[in-house]
PDB file of all heavy atoms in Angstrom:
ATOM      1  N   ILE A   1      15.021  -8.631  -5.955  1.00  0.00           N
ATOM      2  CA  ILE A   1      14.495  -8.394  -4.613  1.00  0.00           C
ATOM      3  C   ILE A   1      14.053  -6.956  -4.401  1.00  0.00           C
ATOM      4  O   ILE A   1      13.071  -6.689  -3.788  1.00  0.00           O
ATOM      5  CB  ILE A   1      15.525  -8.826  -3.585  1.00  0.00           C
ATOM      6  CG1 ILE A   1      15.769 -10.355  -3.634  1.00  0.00           C
ATOM      7  CG2 ILE A   1      15.122  -8.433  -2.152  1.00  0.00           C
ATOM      8  CD1 ILE A   1      16.881 -10.914  -2.817  1.00  0.00           C
ATOM      9  N   GLN A   2      14.824  -6.023  -4.915  1.00  0.00           N
ATOM     10  CA  GLN A   2      14.484  -4.610  -4.840  1.00  0.00           C
ATOM     11  C   GLN A   2      13.181  -4.388  -5.475  1.00  0.00           C
ATOM     12  O   GLN A   2      12.254  -3.682  -4.887  1.00  0.00           O
ATOM     13  CB  GLN A   2      15.570  -3.774  -5.560  1.00  0.00           C
ATOM     14  CG  GLN A   2      15.239  -2.299  -5.609  1.00  0.00           C
ATOM     15  CD  GLN A   2      16.121  -1.551  -6.529  1.00  0.00           C
ATOM     16  OE1 GLN A   2      16.364  -1.916  -7.701  1.00  0.00           O
ATOM     17  NE2 GLN A   2      16.602  -0.353  -6.106  1.00  0.00           N
ATOM     18  N   ALA A   3      12.918  -4.994  -6.634  1.00  0.00           N
ATOM     19  CA  ALA A   3      11.607  -4.838  -7.359  1.00  0.00           C
ATOM     20  C   ALA A   3      10.497  -5.499  -6.554  1.00  0.00           C
ATOM     21  O   ALA A   3       9.365  -4.935  -6.479  1.00  0.00           O
ATOM     22  CB  ALA A   3      11.716  -5.423  -8.749  1.00  0.00           C
ATOM     23  N   TYR A   4      10.768  -6.586  -5.909  1.00  0.00           N
ATOM     24  CA  TYR A   4       9.752  -7.320  -5.117  1.00  0.00           C
ATOM     25  C   TYR A   4       9.353  -6.394  -3.937  1.00  0.00           C
ATOM     26  O   TYR A   4       8.157  -6.245  -3.634  1.00  0.00           O
ATOM     27  CB  TYR A   4      10.284  -8.579  -4.644  1.00  0.00           C
ATOM     28  CG  TYR A   4       9.394  -9.407  -3.712  1.00  0.00           C
ATOM     29  CD1 TYR A   4       8.235 -10.003  -4.199  1.00  0.00           C
ATOM     30  CD2 TYR A   4       9.671  -9.608  -2.376  1.00  0.00           C
ATOM     31  CE1 TYR A   4       7.390 -10.747  -3.411  1.00  0.00           C
ATOM     32  CE2 TYR A   4       8.819 -10.307  -1.510  1.00  0.00           C
ATOM     33  CZ  TYR A   4       7.681 -10.910  -2.052  1.00  0.00           C
ATOM     34  OH  TYR A   4       6.850 -11.646  -1.241  1.00  0.00           O
ATOM     35  N   TYR A   5      10.347  -5.852  -3.224  1.00  0.00           N
ATOM     36  CA  TYR A   5      10.057  -4.974  -2.102  1.00  0.00           C
ATOM     37  C   TYR A   5       9.285  -3.751  -2.621  1.00  0.00           C
ATOM     38  O   TYR A   5       8.315  -3.257  -1.962  1.00  0.00           O
ATOM     39  CB  TYR A   5      11.342  -4.469  -1.485  1.00  0.00           C
ATOM     40  CG  TYR A   5      12.148  -5.522  -0.707  1.00  0.00           C
ATOM     41  CD1 TYR A   5      13.423  -5.258  -0.293  1.00  0.00           C
ATOM     42  CD2 TYR A   5      11.553  -6.773  -0.427  1.00  0.00           C
ATOM     43  CE1 TYR A   5      14.127  -6.247   0.374  1.00  0.00           C
ATOM     44  CE2 TYR A   5      12.246  -7.736   0.303  1.00  0.00           C
ATOM     45  CZ  TYR A   5      13.586  -7.438   0.710  1.00  0.00           C
ATOM     46  OH  TYR A   5      14.301  -8.359   1.411  1.00  0.00           O
ATOM     47  N   ALA A   6       9.667  -3.203  -3.754  1.00  0.00           N
ATOM     48  CA  ALA A   6       8.943  -2.024  -4.343  1.00  0.00           C
ATOM     49  C   ALA A   6       7.486  -2.301  -4.593  1.00  0.00           C
ATOM     50  O   ALA A   6       6.594  -1.480  -4.328  1.00  0.00           O
ATOM     51  CB  ALA A   6       9.646  -1.506  -5.563  1.00  0.00           C
ATOM     52  N   SER A   7       7.239  -3.541  -5.151  1.00  0.00           N
ATOM     53  CA  SER A   7       5.853  -3.860  -5.447  1.00  0.00           C
ATOM     54  C   SER A   7       5.010  -4.041  -4.220  1.00  0.00           C
ATOM     55  O   SER A   7       3.817  -3.769  -4.216  1.00  0.00           O
ATOM     56  CB  SER A   7       5.783  -5.085  -6.364  1.00  0.00           C
ATOM     57  OG  SER A   7       6.291  -6.232  -5.723  1.00  0.00           O
ATOM     58  N   ILE A   8       5.644  -4.533  -3.136  1.00  0.00           N
ATOM     59  CA  ILE A   8       4.913  -4.689  -1.875  1.00  0.00           C
ATOM     60  C   ILE A   8       4.579  -3.293  -1.366  1.00  0.00           C
ATOM     61  O   ILE A   8       3.461  -3.027  -0.879  1.00  0.00           O
ATOM     62  CB  ILE A   8       5.784  -5.442  -0.839  1.00  0.00           C
ATOM     63  CG1 ILE A   8       5.916  -6.886  -1.208  1.00  0.00           C
ATOM     64  CG2 ILE A   8       5.205  -5.289   0.526  1.00  0.00           C
ATOM     65  CD1 ILE A   8       6.829  -7.670  -0.272  1.00  0.00           C
ATOM     66  N   SER A   9       5.509  -2.352  -1.464  1.00  0.00           N
ATOM     67  CA  SER A   9       5.250  -0.996  -0.994  1.00  0.00           C
ATOM     68  C   SER A   9       4.144  -0.291  -1.768  1.00  0.00           C
ATOM     69  O   SER A   9       3.383   0.494  -1.194  1.00  0.00           O
ATOM     70  CB  SER A   9       6.569  -0.152  -0.965  1.00  0.00           C
ATOM     71  OG  SER A   9       7.426  -0.651  -0.022  1.00  0.00           O
ATOM     72  N   LEU A  10       4.129  -0.590  -3.085  1.00  0.00           N
ATOM     73  CA  LEU A  10       2.981  -0.060  -3.846  1.00  0.00           C
ATOM     74  C   LEU A  10       1.653  -0.548  -3.343  1.00  0.00           C
ATOM     75  O   LEU A  10       0.743   0.228  -3.130  1.00  0.00           O
ATOM     76  CB  LEU A  10       3.157  -0.503  -5.330  1.00  0.00           C
ATOM     77  CG  LEU A  10       1.932  -0.267  -6.237  1.00  0.00           C
ATOM     78  CD1 LEU A  10       1.568   1.165  -6.349  1.00  0.00           C
ATOM     79  CD2 LEU A  10       2.147  -0.920  -7.600  1.00  0.00           C
ATOM     80  N   MET A  11       1.547  -1.875  -3.139  1.00  0.00           N
ATOM     81  CA  MET A  11       0.303  -2.448  -2.605  1.00  0.00           C
ATOM     82  C   MET A  11       0.016  -1.891  -1.221  1.00  0.00           C
ATOM     83  O   MET A  11      -1.146  -1.538  -0.957  1.00  0.00           O
ATOM     84  CB  MET A  11       0.475  -3.981  -2.566  1.00  0.00           C
ATOM     85  CG  MET A  11      -0.737  -4.730  -1.984  1.00  0.00           C
ATOM     86  SD  MET A  11      -0.718  -4.845  -0.177  1.00  0.00           S
ATOM     87  CE  MET A  11       0.729  -5.871   0.063  1.00  0.00           C
ATOM     88  N   ASP A  12       1.059  -1.747  -0.355  1.00  0.00           N
ATOM     89  CA  ASP A  12       0.863  -1.306   0.996  1.00  0.00           C
ATOM     90  C   ASP A  12       0.284   0.156   1.028  1.00  0.00           C
ATOM     91  O   ASP A  12      -0.643   0.454   1.794  1.00  0.00           O
ATOM     92  CB  ASP A  12       2.178  -1.365   1.743  1.00  0.00           C
ATOM     93  CG  ASP A  12       1.992  -1.043   3.234  1.00  0.00           C
ATOM     94  OD1 ASP A  12       1.166  -1.680   3.902  1.00  0.00           O
ATOM     95  OD2 ASP A  12       2.710  -0.101   3.722  1.00  0.00           O
ATOM     96  N   GLU A  13       0.773   0.965   0.048  1.00  0.00           N
ATOM     97  CA  GLU A  13       0.278   2.333  -0.023  1.00  0.00           C
ATOM     98  C   GLU A  13      -1.182   2.357  -0.344  1.00  0.00           C
ATOM     99  O   GLU A  13      -1.961   3.106   0.174  1.00  0.00           O
ATOM    100  CB  GLU A  13       1.100   3.105  -1.091  1.00  0.00           C
ATOM    101  CG  GLU A  13       0.647   4.558  -1.267  1.00  0.00           C
ATOM    102  CD  GLU A  13       1.352   5.162  -2.484  1.00  0.00           C
ATOM    103  OE1 GLU A  13       1.238   4.649  -3.639  1.00  0.00           O
ATOM    104  OE2 GLU A  13       2.080   6.210  -2.290  1.00  0.00           O
ATOM    105  N   GLN A  14      -1.558   1.422  -1.305  1.00  0.00           N
ATOM    106  CA  GLN A  14      -2.983   1.484  -1.698  1.00  0.00           C
ATOM    107  C   GLN A  14      -3.884   0.943  -0.578  1.00  0.00           C
ATOM    108  O   GLN A  14      -4.975   1.422  -0.339  1.00  0.00           O
ATOM    109  CB  GLN A  14      -3.161   0.573  -2.959  1.00  0.00           C
ATOM    110  CG  GLN A  14      -2.267   1.007  -4.097  1.00  0.00           C
ATOM    111  CD  GLN A  14      -2.237   2.499  -4.304  1.00  0.00           C
ATOM    112  OE1 GLN A  14      -3.236   3.147  -4.445  1.00  0.00           O
ATOM    113  NE2 GLN A  14      -0.993   3.051  -4.256  1.00  0.00           N
ATOM    114  N   LEU A  15      -3.393  -0.054   0.139  1.00  0.00           N
ATOM    115  CA  LEU A  15      -4.131  -0.506   1.327  1.00  0.00           C
ATOM    116  C   LEU A  15      -4.343   0.632   2.336  1.00  0.00           C
ATOM    117  O   LEU A  15      -5.434   0.788   2.857  1.00  0.00           O
ATOM    118  CB  LEU A  15      -3.389  -1.668   1.994  1.00  0.00           C
ATOM    119  CG  LEU A  15      -3.963  -2.193   3.290  1.00  0.00           C
ATOM    120  CD1 LEU A  15      -5.336  -2.748   3.113  1.00  0.00           C
ATOM    121  CD2 LEU A  15      -2.996  -3.268   3.912  1.00  0.00           C
ATOM    122  N   GLY A  16      -3.313   1.441   2.509  1.00  0.00           N
ATOM    123  CA  GLY A  16      -3.422   2.571   3.419  1.00  0.00           C
ATOM    124  C   GLY A  16      -4.474   3.563   2.900  1.00  0.00           C
ATOM    125  O   GLY A  16      -5.254   4.143   3.776  1.00  0.00           O
ATOM    126  N   ARG A  17      -4.562   3.760   1.693  1.00  0.00           N
ATOM    127  CA  ARG A  17      -5.657   4.692   1.111  1.00  0.00           C
ATOM    128  C   ARG A  17      -7.027   4.102   1.496  1.00  0.00           C
ATOM    129  O   ARG A  17      -7.927   4.904   1.886  1.00  0.00           O
ATOM    130  CB  ARG A  17      -5.484   4.754  -0.402  1.00  0.00           C
ATOM    131  CG  ARG A  17      -4.280   5.484  -0.943  1.00  0.00           C
ATOM    132  CD  ARG A  17      -4.260   5.496  -2.461  1.00  0.00           C
ATOM    133  NE  ARG A  17      -5.459   6.127  -3.006  1.00  0.00           N
ATOM    134  CZ  ARG A  17      -6.082   5.805  -4.171  1.00  0.00           C
ATOM    135  NH1 ARG A  17      -5.554   4.806  -4.901  1.00  0.00           N
ATOM    136  NH2 ARG A  17      -7.099   6.410  -4.531  1.00  0.00           N
ATOM    137  N   VAL A  18      -7.203   2.855   1.351  1.00  0.00           N
ATOM    138  CA  VAL A  18      -8.502   2.279   1.663  1.00  0.00           C
ATOM    139  C   VAL A  18      -8.838   2.357   3.152  1.00  0.00           C
ATOM    140  O   VAL A  18      -9.943   2.674   3.568  1.00  0.00           O
ATOM    141  CB  VAL A  18      -8.573   0.815   1.195  1.00  0.00           C
ATOM    142  CG1 VAL A  18      -9.914   0.128   1.541  1.00  0.00           C
ATOM    143  CG2 VAL A  18      -8.392   0.702  -0.310  1.00  0.00           C
ATOM    144  N   ILE A  19      -7.829   2.068   4.043  1.00  0.00           N
ATOM    145  CA  ILE A  19      -8.068   2.169   5.435  1.00  0.00           C
ATOM    146  C   ILE A  19      -8.387   3.613   5.833  1.00  0.00           C
ATOM    147  O   ILE A  19      -9.330   3.830   6.708  1.00  0.00           O
ATOM    148  CB  ILE A  19      -6.849   1.628   6.216  1.00  0.00           C
ATOM    149  CG1 ILE A  19      -6.602   0.156   5.847  1.00  0.00           C
ATOM    150  CG2 ILE A  19      -7.067   1.809   7.726  1.00  0.00           C
ATOM    151  CD1 ILE A  19      -7.738  -0.772   6.194  1.00  0.00           C
ATOM    152  N   ASP A  20      -7.673   4.575   5.264  1.00  0.00           N
ATOM    153  CA  ASP A  20      -7.949   5.937   5.569  1.00  0.00           C
ATOM    154  C   ASP A  20      -9.377   6.327   5.176  1.00  0.00           C
ATOM    155  O   ASP A  20     -10.097   6.983   5.900  1.00  0.00           O
ATOM    156  CB  ASP A  20      -7.006   6.860   4.806  1.00  0.00           C
ATOM    157  CG  ASP A  20      -5.604   6.844   5.352  1.00  0.00           C
ATOM    158  OD1 ASP A  20      -5.403   6.369   6.460  1.00  0.00           O
ATOM    159  OD2 ASP A  20      -4.646   7.336   4.655  1.00  0.00           O
ATOM    160  N   ALA A  21      -9.841   5.811   4.008  1.00  0.00           N
ATOM    161  CA  ALA A  21     -11.218   6.069   3.550  1.00  0.00           C
ATOM    162  C   ALA A  21     -12.241   5.480   4.524  1.00  0.00           C
ATOM    163  O   ALA A  21     -13.275   6.054   4.781  1.00  0.00           O
ATOM    164  CB  ALA A  21     -11.403   5.630   2.164  1.00  0.00           C
ATOM    165  N   LEU A  22     -11.967   4.283   4.997  1.00  0.00           N
ATOM    166  CA  LEU A  22     -12.834   3.580   5.920  1.00  0.00           C
ATOM    167  C   LEU A  22     -13.067   4.480   7.185  1.00  0.00           C
ATOM    168  O   LEU A  22     -14.161   4.591   7.682  1.00  0.00           O
ATOM    169  CB  LEU A  22     -12.245   2.255   6.247  1.00  0.00           C
ATOM    170  CG  LEU A  22     -13.218   1.209   6.967  1.00  0.00           C
ATOM    171  CD1 LEU A  22     -14.183   0.662   5.943  1.00  0.00           C
ATOM    172  CD2 LEU A  22     -12.357   0.088   7.596  1.00  0.00           C
ATOM    173  N   GLU A  23     -11.920   5.037   7.644  1.00  0.00           N
ATOM    174  CA  GLU A  23     -12.012   5.846   8.852  1.00  0.00           C
ATOM    175  C   GLU A  23     -12.698   7.233   8.522  1.00  0.00           C
ATOM    176  O   GLU A  23     -13.516   7.692   9.303  1.00  0.00           O
ATOM    177  CB  GLU A  23     -10.603   6.131   9.385  1.00  0.00           C
ATOM    178  CG  GLU A  23      -9.971   4.815   9.906  1.00  0.00           C
ATOM    179  CD  GLU A  23      -8.522   5.040  10.286  1.00  0.00           C
ATOM    180  OE1 GLU A  23      -7.935   6.084   9.968  1.00  0.00           O
ATOM    181  OE2 GLU A  23      -7.981   4.122  10.979  1.00  0.00           O
ATOM    182  N   GLU A  24     -12.448   7.781   7.396  1.00  0.00           N
ATOM    183  CA  GLU A  24     -13.002   9.065   7.018  1.00  0.00           C
ATOM    184  C   GLU A  24     -14.538   8.962   6.849  1.00  0.00           C
ATOM    185  O   GLU A  24     -15.253   9.939   7.128  1.00  0.00           O
ATOM    186  CB  GLU A  24     -12.400   9.557   5.713  1.00  0.00           C
ATOM    187  CG  GLU A  24     -10.913   9.997   5.888  1.00  0.00           C
ATOM    188  CD  GLU A  24     -10.248  10.207   4.513  1.00  0.00           C
ATOM    189  OE1 GLU A  24     -10.908  10.011   3.471  1.00  0.00           O
ATOM    190  OE2 GLU A  24      -9.010  10.508   4.518  1.00  0.00           O
TER     191      GLU A  24
END
């Protein structure tokens, strides 16, 4: 479960990068 949560956070971080770029 720890690893599952960690992999979600990895994906979430990358989504944030894309949303930031969309705004920039």
